[in-house]
Amino acid sequence: MTHEPPSRAPEGGPMTTLTTTTVLDVVVPVHNEERDLAPCVRELHADLTRTFPYPFRITIANNASTDGTRAVADELALELPGVAAVHLAEKGRGRALKAVWTASDAAVLAYMDVDLSTDLAALAPLVASLTSGHSDLAIGSRLARGARVVRGPKRELISRCYNLILRGALATRFTDAQCGFKAIRADVARRLLPHVEDTGWFFDTELLVLAERAGARIHEVPVDWVDDPDSRVDLVSTAVADLKGVARVARGLVSGRIPIADLRAQLEREPLEPETPGVPAGLLKQLVRFAAVGVISTLAYLLLFVSLRGGLGAQGANLVALLVTAVANTAANRRFTFGVRGRRGAGRHQFEGLIVFGLGLALTSGSLALLHLFAEPGGPAELVAVVGANLLATVLRFLLLRNWVFRPRRTAQATS
């Protein structure tokens, strides 16, 4: 069955589905699957014919089978319209997917395992999120809320541990890397596939990590999934290969060998840093860094306050401790929290930081003065009062530093 090249919509937008060209290409990678191949392809073909309203193709990617898989694949391609067979001399699921996806003319590229462990009812929502232009890559997830899974405790434990390793080592956010039920927009695949090195089972995990780091939108579809008891996957060797893949990708990300910045630019997925007045940029990251600086500053403040309390009194110790930590705090937040470097504007930042410090001093001094009206100086109550007031002053300091002292437009003007 021949197809003309599809008419593609602008990258990132909804796809043009009113066409006679191929919209969806579902790849079924197989190695020595002569028994399961025909039932899988027939069921998949019948389901797509009944439910999918656009032209589709099913591509059997036979990678180095030594049994009768090739003959079965060729017979299916002759019998069923829209079914094609591709034969590769080398083994590897990742190698097969990369070869077929790279050569495909379809707008959406998908794959599923030949055992059909995943209910085909999930295929329509998987593809819909891509054809609508909402997402760049879609995955079936056995760990997302709403999924229904039947499998043994051994595989359940291995799957959850693997995803925990991914979250810890590569800071991933997707829930299920290994479910053999995924789809990707062809325009996104063209950007990512050249950088995916694995040719085996780690292929789709590596693809997901690169996609997420590059800012691609990943849609997760909860699936019904029933374990195949006859699966021939070697869990031990696959786990070892996956761990090696995790280490390799982590090194590539740290060293810069994987060009994430270039991929972000190609996919037009630069980090959101809005310039709209009143809309904060990078708030979560700044809060985390400000909190870290604040913890260190508070500990330094308490150490100085306790050390100076005996010689200067509560108010004097509070003044000196706040002044010293305020200068250090402003310098640290200038560099690490708000990313302002260079000496230009540093004097103004410190001056305005001292104004912020004055407000903090008023809060803490006021709390001490109020406390001393009702209790004797010294003791735990005094420490509780200054800590509480200092926490309130910290919140005020963040808001003023962010929206006044280190406000992006003012900072840009000062450092330009």
Protein backbone atom coordinates (compact mmCIF):
# COMPACT_ATOMS: atom_id res chain seq x y z
CA MET A 1 0.00 0.00 0.00
CA THR A 2 1.56 3.31 -1.04
CA HIS A 3 1.05 6.71 0.52
CA GLU A 4 1.89 10.23 -0.51
CA PRO A 5 3.89 12.30 1.97
CA PRO A 6 1.50 13.78 4.54
CA SER A 7 0.68 17.45 4.59
CA ARG A 8 2.09 18.71 7.88
CA ALA A 9 0.70 21.51 9.98
CA PRO A 10 3.05 24.08 11.49
CA GLU A 11 5.14 22.43 14.19
CA GLY A 12 3.48 22.57 17.59
CA GLY A 13 -0.04 23.19 16.22
CA PRO A 14 -2.95 20.85 15.50
CA MET A 15 -2.43 18.42 12.65
CA THR A 16 -4.34 18.42 9.40
CA THR A 17 -6.37 15.20 9.47
CA LEU A 18 -8.58 15.92 6.42
CA THR A 19 -6.19 14.07 4.12
CA THR A 20 -5.72 10.79 2.29
CA THR A 21 -2.18 10.46 3.58
CA THR A 22 -1.10 8.50 6.64
CA VAL A 23 -1.95 10.13 9.95
CA LEU A 24 -0.91 7.31 12.30
CA ASP A 25 1.83 4.70 11.97
CA VAL A 26 1.69 2.04 14.72
CA VAL A 27 4.89 0.03 14.92
CA VAL A 28 4.89 -3.46 16.41
CA PRO A 29 8.52 -4.44 17.08
CA VAL A 30 9.01 -8.22 17.14
CA HIS A 31 11.78 -10.74 17.64
CA ASN A 32 10.88 -14.43 17.31
CA GLU A 33 7.15 -13.87 17.76
CA GLU A 34 5.71 -16.18 15.09
CA ARG A 35 2.99 -17.44 17.46
CA ASP A 36 1.68 -14.11 18.80
CA LEU A 37 2.25 -11.85 15.79
CA ALA A 38 -0.80 -12.72 13.66
CA PRO A 39 -3.41 -12.52 16.47
CA CYS A 40 -1.93 -9.19 17.63
CA VAL A 41 -1.91 -7.53 14.20
CA ARG A 42 -5.37 -8.82 13.28
CA GLU A 43 -6.88 -7.50 16.52
CA LEU A 44 -5.07 -4.17 16.20
CA HIS A 45 -6.10 -3.81 12.54
CA ALA A 46 -9.74 -4.59 13.32
CA ASP A 47 -9.76 -2.10 16.19
CA LEU A 48 -8.22 0.72 14.15
CA THR A 49 -10.53 0.02 11.19
CA ARG A 50 -13.54 0.25 13.49
CA THR A 51 -12.52 3.22 15.68
CA PHE A 52 -9.84 5.33 13.99
CA PRO A 53 -11.35 7.79 11.47
CA TYR A 54 -8.13 8.68 9.61
CA PRO A 55 -5.71 6.78 7.37
CA PHE A 56 -3.37 4.57 9.38
CA ARG A 57 -0.60 2.07 8.91
CA ILE A 58 0.57 -0.85 11.03
CA THR A 59 4.27 -1.54 10.55
CA ILE A 60 5.68 -4.85 11.73
CA ALA A 61 9.33 -4.21 12.62
CA ASN A 62 10.96 -7.64 12.56
CA ASN A 63 14.40 -7.34 14.11
CA ALA A 64 16.66 -10.33 13.44
CA SER A 65 14.09 -13.07 14.09
CA THR A 66 15.34 -16.61 13.53
CA ASP A 67 11.98 -18.41 13.57
CA GLY A 68 9.00 -18.03 11.22
CA THR A 69 8.25 -14.40 12.21
CA ARG A 70 9.37 -12.99 8.86
CA ALA A 71 7.04 -15.23 6.87
CA VAL A 72 4.08 -14.42 9.12
CA ALA A 73 4.81 -10.67 8.81
CA ASP A 74 4.97 -10.86 5.01
CA GLU A 75 1.69 -12.80 4.84
CA LEU A 76 -0.07 -10.20 7.02
CA ALA A 77 1.25 -7.37 4.83
CA LEU A 78 -0.20 -9.05 1.76
CA GLU A 79 -3.51 -9.90 3.40
CA LEU A 80 -4.43 -6.75 5.35
CA PRO A 81 -4.63 -3.28 3.77
CA GLY A 82 -2.51 -0.75 5.62
CA VAL A 83 -0.11 -3.34 7.05
CA ALA A 84 3.59 -3.21 6.14
CA ALA A 85 6.54 -5.39 7.13
CA VAL A 86 10.08 -4.16 7.67
CA HIS A 87 12.95 -6.59 8.30
CA LEU A 88 16.15 -5.59 10.08
CA ALA A 89 19.29 -7.70 10.25
CA GLU A 90 20.20 -6.60 13.78
CA LYS A 91 18.32 -7.23 17.01
CA GLY A 92 17.04 -4.48 19.29
CA ARG A 93 13.63 -2.96 19.99
CA GLY A 94 15.07 0.56 20.10
CA ARG A 95 16.94 -0.01 16.84
CA ALA A 96 13.75 -1.20 15.15
CA LEU A 97 11.66 1.73 16.39
CA LYS A 98 14.26 4.29 15.43
CA ALA A 99 14.63 2.85 11.92
CA VAL A 100 10.91 2.72 11.19
CA TRP A 101 10.02 6.04 12.81
CA THR A 102 12.82 7.84 10.98
CA ALA A 103 11.61 6.57 7.60
CA SER A 104 7.86 6.94 8.25
CA ASP A 105 5.75 9.55 6.47
CA ALA A 106 3.03 9.58 9.15
CA ALA A 107 2.24 12.60 11.31
CA VAL A 108 1.93 10.54 14.50
CA LEU A 109 4.30 7.67 15.31
CA ALA A 110 3.31 5.05 17.87
CA TYR A 111 4.34 1.63 19.06
CA MET A 112 2.96 -1.17 21.16
CA ASP A 113 4.20 -4.54 22.35
CA VAL A 114 3.09 -7.61 20.46
CA ASP A 115 1.58 -9.24 23.56
CA LEU A 116 -1.19 -6.58 23.68
CA SER A 117 -0.89 -6.35 27.46
CA THR A 118 -2.30 -2.83 27.20
CA ASP A 119 -6.01 -2.52 26.42
CA LEU A 120 -6.44 -0.98 22.96
CA ALA A 121 -9.12 1.36 24.33
CA ALA A 122 -6.26 3.61 25.43
CA LEU A 123 -4.98 4.10 21.87
CA ALA A 124 -7.55 6.75 20.87
CA PRO A 125 -6.83 9.14 23.80
CA LEU A 126 -3.10 8.50 23.32
CA VAL A 127 -3.23 9.74 19.73
CA ALA A 128 -5.87 12.45 20.27
CA SER A 129 -3.61 14.47 22.57
CA LEU A 130 -1.06 14.64 19.75
CA THR A 131 -3.30 15.32 16.77
CA SER A 132 -4.96 18.15 18.69
CA GLY A 133 -1.59 19.86 19.12
CA HIS A 134 -1.88 19.81 22.93
CA SER A 135 1.01 17.42 23.55
CA ASP A 136 4.25 16.36 21.87
CA LEU A 137 4.55 12.85 23.26
CA ALA A 138 1.99 10.54 24.89
CA ILE A 139 2.58 7.48 27.04
CA GLY A 140 0.45 4.77 28.53
CA SER A 141 0.97 4.63 32.28
CA ARG A 142 0.33 1.74 34.63
CA LEU A 143 1.17 3.92 37.63
CA ALA A 144 -1.04 6.94 36.90
CA ARG A 145 -4.27 7.44 38.83
CA GLY A 146 -7.07 5.54 37.14
CA ALA A 147 -4.88 2.76 35.72
CA ARG A 148 -5.88 -0.86 36.35
CA VAL A 149 -3.04 -3.35 36.42
CA VAL A 150 -2.80 -7.10 36.88
CA ARG A 151 0.74 -8.37 37.40
CA GLY A 152 2.87 -10.27 39.88
CA PRO A 153 4.60 -8.67 42.87
CA LYS A 154 8.08 -9.17 41.36
CA ARG A 155 7.36 -7.10 38.25
CA GLU A 156 5.42 -4.54 40.29
CA LEU A 157 8.37 -4.03 42.65
CA ILE A 158 10.90 -3.81 39.81
CA SER A 159 8.78 -1.30 37.88
CA ARG A 160 8.25 0.98 40.87
CA CYS A 161 11.91 0.82 41.92
CA TYR A 162 13.03 1.64 38.39
CA ASN A 163 10.81 4.71 38.23
CA LEU A 164 12.07 5.83 41.66
CA ILE A 165 15.63 5.52 40.35
CA LEU A 166 14.73 7.66 37.35
CA ARG A 167 13.19 10.31 39.57
CA GLY A 168 16.18 10.34 41.89
CA ALA A 169 18.98 10.16 39.30
CA LEU A 170 17.46 12.11 36.39
CA ALA A 171 14.77 14.20 38.13
CA THR A 172 12.03 12.83 35.85
CA ARG A 173 8.37 13.64 36.40
CA PHE A 174 6.60 11.06 34.21
CA THR A 175 5.20 8.08 36.11
CA ASP A 176 5.90 5.06 33.88
CA ALA A 177 8.88 4.79 31.56
CA GLN A 178 8.56 1.13 30.60
CA CYS A 179 4.97 0.65 29.47
CA GLY A 180 5.14 -0.53 25.84
CA PHE A 181 2.47 1.86 24.63
CA LYS A 182 3.70 5.25 23.42
CA ALA A 183 3.18 7.81 20.64
CA ILE A 184 5.05 10.90 19.47
CA ARG A 185 4.51 13.66 16.95
CA ALA A 186 6.73 13.06 13.91
CA ASP A 187 8.08 16.63 13.93
CA VAL A 188 9.21 16.18 17.55
CA ALA A 189 10.66 12.74 16.82
CA ARG A 190 12.81 14.19 14.04
CA ARG A 191 14.46 16.48 16.60
CA LEU A 192 14.94 13.92 19.36
CA LEU A 193 15.74 10.61 17.65
CA PRO A 194 19.25 11.57 16.44
CA HIS A 195 20.25 12.02 20.10
CA VAL A 196 18.83 8.72 21.39
CA GLU A 197 21.69 6.22 21.55
CA ASP A 198 20.16 3.09 23.05
CA THR A 199 19.08 0.34 20.68
CA GLY A 200 17.38 -1.94 23.22
CA TRP A 201 14.83 -1.69 26.01
CA PHE A 202 16.17 1.60 27.42
CA PHE A 203 15.34 3.39 24.13
CA ASP A 204 11.96 4.80 25.15
CA THR A 205 13.18 5.81 28.62
CA GLU A 206 16.01 7.78 27.02
CA LEU A 207 13.58 9.33 24.56
CA LEU A 208 11.28 10.39 27.41
CA VAL A 209 14.12 11.92 29.43
CA LEU A 210 15.37 13.95 26.45
CA ALA A 211 11.82 15.05 25.60
CA GLU A 212 11.12 16.18 29.15
CA ARG A 213 14.45 18.02 29.50
CA ALA A 214 13.85 19.72 26.15
CA GLY A 215 10.52 21.05 27.39
CA ALA A 216 8.26 18.78 25.35
CA ARG A 217 4.77 18.30 26.75
CA ILE A 218 4.22 14.68 27.80
CA HIS A 219 0.65 13.42 28.16
CA GLU A 220 -0.03 10.35 30.31
CA VAL A 221 -2.96 8.02 29.68
CA PRO A 222 -3.96 5.62 32.49
CA VAL A 223 -4.24 2.14 30.98
CA ASP A 224 -5.72 -1.25 31.73
CA TRP A 225 -2.76 -3.62 31.65
CA VAL A 226 -2.53 -7.37 32.17
CA ASP A 227 0.89 -8.99 32.55
CA ASP A 228 1.93 -11.53 29.92
CA PRO A 229 3.06 -14.63 31.85
CA ASP A 230 4.91 -15.91 28.77
CA SER A 231 7.07 -12.78 28.37
CA ARG A 232 10.61 -13.69 27.37
CA VAL A 233 12.18 -10.48 28.65
CA ASP A 234 15.26 -11.22 30.76
CA LEU A 235 14.55 -9.04 33.79
CA VAL A 236 18.09 -9.17 35.22
CA SER A 237 19.97 -8.29 32.03
CA THR A 238 17.37 -5.66 31.12
CA ALA A 239 17.65 -4.06 34.57
CA VAL A 240 21.46 -3.94 34.33
CA ALA A 241 21.29 -2.42 30.84
CA ASP A 242 18.75 0.15 32.04
CA LEU A 243 20.92 1.18 34.99
CA LYS A 244 23.89 1.61 32.65
CA GLY A 245 21.66 3.71 30.42
CA VAL A 246 20.60 5.90 33.35
CA ALA A 247 24.26 6.48 34.26
CA ARG A 248 25.17 7.30 30.65
CA VAL A 249 22.33 9.78 30.21
CA ALA A 250 23.10 11.40 33.57
CA ARG A 251 26.74 11.90 32.51
CA GLY A 252 25.60 13.32 29.19
CA LEU A 253 23.30 15.83 30.87
CA VAL A 254 25.91 16.92 33.42
CA SER A 255 28.73 17.21 30.89
CA GLY A 256 26.61 19.02 28.32
CA ARG A 257 27.23 16.35 25.70
CA ILE A 258 23.47 16.09 25.21
CA PRO A 259 22.50 19.45 23.63
CA ILE A 260 19.40 20.19 25.71
CA ALA A 261 19.57 23.94 25.04
CA ASP A 262 19.64 23.33 21.27
CA LEU A 263 16.73 20.91 21.52
CA ARG A 264 14.73 23.42 23.53
CA ALA A 265 15.36 26.03 20.87
CA GLN A 266 14.39 23.64 18.05
CA LEU A 267 11.17 22.67 19.82
CA GLU A 268 10.55 26.31 20.80
CA ARG A 269 10.29 25.25 24.44
CA GLU A 270 12.48 27.80 26.19
CA PRO A 271 11.77 28.14 29.94
CA LEU A 272 8.84 30.42 30.68
CA GLU A 273 10.19 33.75 31.88
CA PRO A 274 7.34 36.18 31.20
CA GLU A 275 7.99 39.89 30.92
CA THR A 276 4.41 40.87 31.67
CA PRO A 277 4.31 43.36 34.56
CA GLY A 278 3.08 41.70 37.72
CA VAL A 279 3.72 38.15 36.48
CA PRO A 280 6.58 36.57 38.45
CA ALA A 281 9.33 34.65 36.63
CA GLY A 282 10.84 31.47 38.06
CA LEU A 283 9.01 31.85 41.36
CA LEU A 284 9.42 28.29 42.64
CA LYS A 285 13.16 28.18 41.96
CA GLN A 286 13.66 31.55 43.62
CA LEU A 287 11.64 30.50 46.67
CA VAL A 288 13.78 27.39 47.14
CA ARG A 289 17.03 29.32 46.85
CA PHE A 290 15.78 32.16 49.03
CA ALA A 291 14.70 29.65 51.67
CA ALA A 292 18.15 28.04 51.66
CA VAL A 293 19.84 31.43 52.06
CA GLY A 294 17.26 32.34 54.72
CA VAL A 295 17.96 29.22 56.79
CA ILE A 296 21.68 29.98 56.84
CA SER A 297 21.02 33.65 57.61
CA THR A 298 18.66 32.80 60.46
CA LEU A 299 21.16 30.42 62.03
CA ALA A 300 23.89 33.06 61.72
CA TYR A 301 21.54 35.67 63.19
CA LEU A 302 20.70 33.47 66.21
CA LEU A 303 24.36 32.64 66.81
CA LEU A 304 25.29 36.34 66.76
CA PHE A 305 22.30 37.34 68.89
CA VAL A 306 23.07 34.80 71.61
CA SER A 307 26.79 35.66 71.50
CA LEU A 308 26.23 39.43 71.80
CA ARG A 309 23.22 39.36 74.14
CA GLY A 310 25.29 39.46 77.32
CA GLY A 311 27.43 42.46 76.36
CA LEU A 312 25.02 44.58 74.27
CA GLY A 313 21.65 43.68 75.65
CA ALA A 314 18.74 42.34 73.63
CA GLN A 315 18.18 45.42 71.48
CA GLY A 316 21.89 45.98 70.77
CA ALA A 317 22.49 42.33 69.97
CA ASN A 318 19.44 42.33 67.69
CA LEU A 319 20.70 45.43 65.84
CA VAL A 320 24.22 44.11 65.21
CA ALA A 321 23.11 40.57 64.33
CA LEU A 322 20.50 41.83 61.89
CA LEU A 323 22.89 44.33 60.27
CA VAL A 324 25.64 41.77 59.66
CA THR A 325 23.33 39.07 58.37
CA ALA A 326 21.34 41.56 56.27
CA VAL A 327 24.42 42.58 54.27
CA ALA A 328 25.44 38.96 53.75
CA ASN A 329 21.85 37.96 52.97
CA THR A 330 21.44 40.66 50.31
CA ALA A 331 24.73 39.67 48.63
CA ALA A 332 23.84 35.97 48.66
CA ASN A 333 20.31 36.52 47.31
CA ARG A 334 21.62 38.91 44.68
CA ARG A 335 23.84 36.22 43.20
CA PHE A 336 22.15 32.88 43.92
CA THR A 337 18.43 33.63 44.17
CA PHE A 338 17.93 36.36 41.59
CA GLY A 339 20.95 35.64 39.35
CA VAL A 340 22.41 39.16 39.34
CA ARG A 341 26.16 39.15 38.70
CA GLY A 342 28.80 41.81 38.32
CA ARG A 343 29.50 44.89 40.43
CA ARG A 344 27.22 47.31 38.60
CA GLY A 345 24.19 48.10 40.71
CA ALA A 346 25.61 46.30 43.77
CA GLY A 347 25.78 49.48 45.85
CA ARG A 348 22.17 50.38 45.09
CA HIS A 349 21.10 46.82 45.86
CA GLN A 350 22.84 46.93 49.24
CA PHE A 351 21.34 50.34 50.04
CA GLU A 352 17.85 49.16 49.23
CA GLY A 353 18.61 45.95 51.07
CA LEU A 354 19.39 48.03 54.17
CA ILE A 355 16.01 49.71 53.84
CA VAL A 356 14.47 46.25 53.79
CA PHE A 357 16.68 45.46 56.79
CA GLY A 358 15.25 48.52 58.58
CA LEU A 359 11.75 47.16 58.19
CA GLY A 360 12.92 43.82 59.57
CA LEU A 361 14.60 45.62 62.45
CA ALA A 362 11.36 47.44 63.21
CA LEU A 363 9.48 44.14 63.32
CA THR A 364 11.96 42.34 65.57
CA SER A 365 12.63 45.34 67.80
CA GLY A 366 8.94 45.99 68.10
CA SER A 367 8.30 42.39 69.09
CA LEU A 368 10.99 42.61 71.78
CA ALA A 369 9.64 45.87 73.10
CA LEU A 370 6.13 44.45 73.21
CA LEU A 371 7.36 41.31 74.95
CA HIS A 372 9.20 43.30 77.61
CA LEU A 373 6.01 45.09 78.51
CA PHE A 374 4.52 41.82 79.73
CA ALA A 375 7.54 39.68 80.67
CA GLU A 376 11.00 39.94 82.12
CA PRO A 377 13.92 40.29 79.63
CA GLY A 378 15.78 37.12 78.72
CA GLY A 379 14.62 33.51 78.65
CA PRO A 380 12.95 31.27 76.05
CA ALA A 381 10.08 33.69 75.40
CA GLU A 382 12.53 36.27 74.10
CA LEU A 383 14.05 33.80 71.62
CA VAL A 384 10.58 32.72 70.47
CA ALA A 385 9.62 36.35 69.91
CA VAL A 386 12.69 37.23 67.85
CA VAL A 387 12.46 34.00 65.80
CA GLY A 388 8.79 34.60 65.02
CA ALA A 389 9.37 38.22 64.11
CA ASN A 390 12.39 37.23 62.02
CA LEU A 391 10.29 34.72 60.08
CA LEU A 392 7.72 37.41 59.33
CA ALA A 393 10.54 39.76 58.34
CA THR A 394 11.89 37.03 56.03
CA VAL A 395 8.60 36.84 54.12
CA LEU A 396 8.54 40.61 53.79
CA ARG A 397 12.18 40.61 52.69
CA PHE A 398 11.52 38.12 49.90
CA LEU A 399 8.60 40.12 48.55
CA LEU A 400 10.55 43.38 48.60
CA LEU A 401 13.74 41.88 47.16
CA ARG A 402 11.82 40.22 44.36
CA ASN A 403 9.43 43.00 43.45
CA TRP A 404 11.58 46.03 44.23
CA VAL A 405 15.32 45.55 44.83
CA PHE A 406 15.94 42.84 42.20
CA ARG A 407 12.95 43.45 39.98
CA PRO A 408 14.02 42.11 36.53
CA ARG A 409 13.53 45.32 34.51
CA ARG A 410 15.28 47.51 37.08
CA THR A 411 18.12 44.99 37.32
CA ALA A 412 18.48 44.82 33.53
CA GLN A 413 18.70 48.58 33.33
CA ALA A 414 21.25 48.75 36.14
CA THR A 415 23.51 46.07 34.65
CA SER A 416 23.24 47.08 30.99
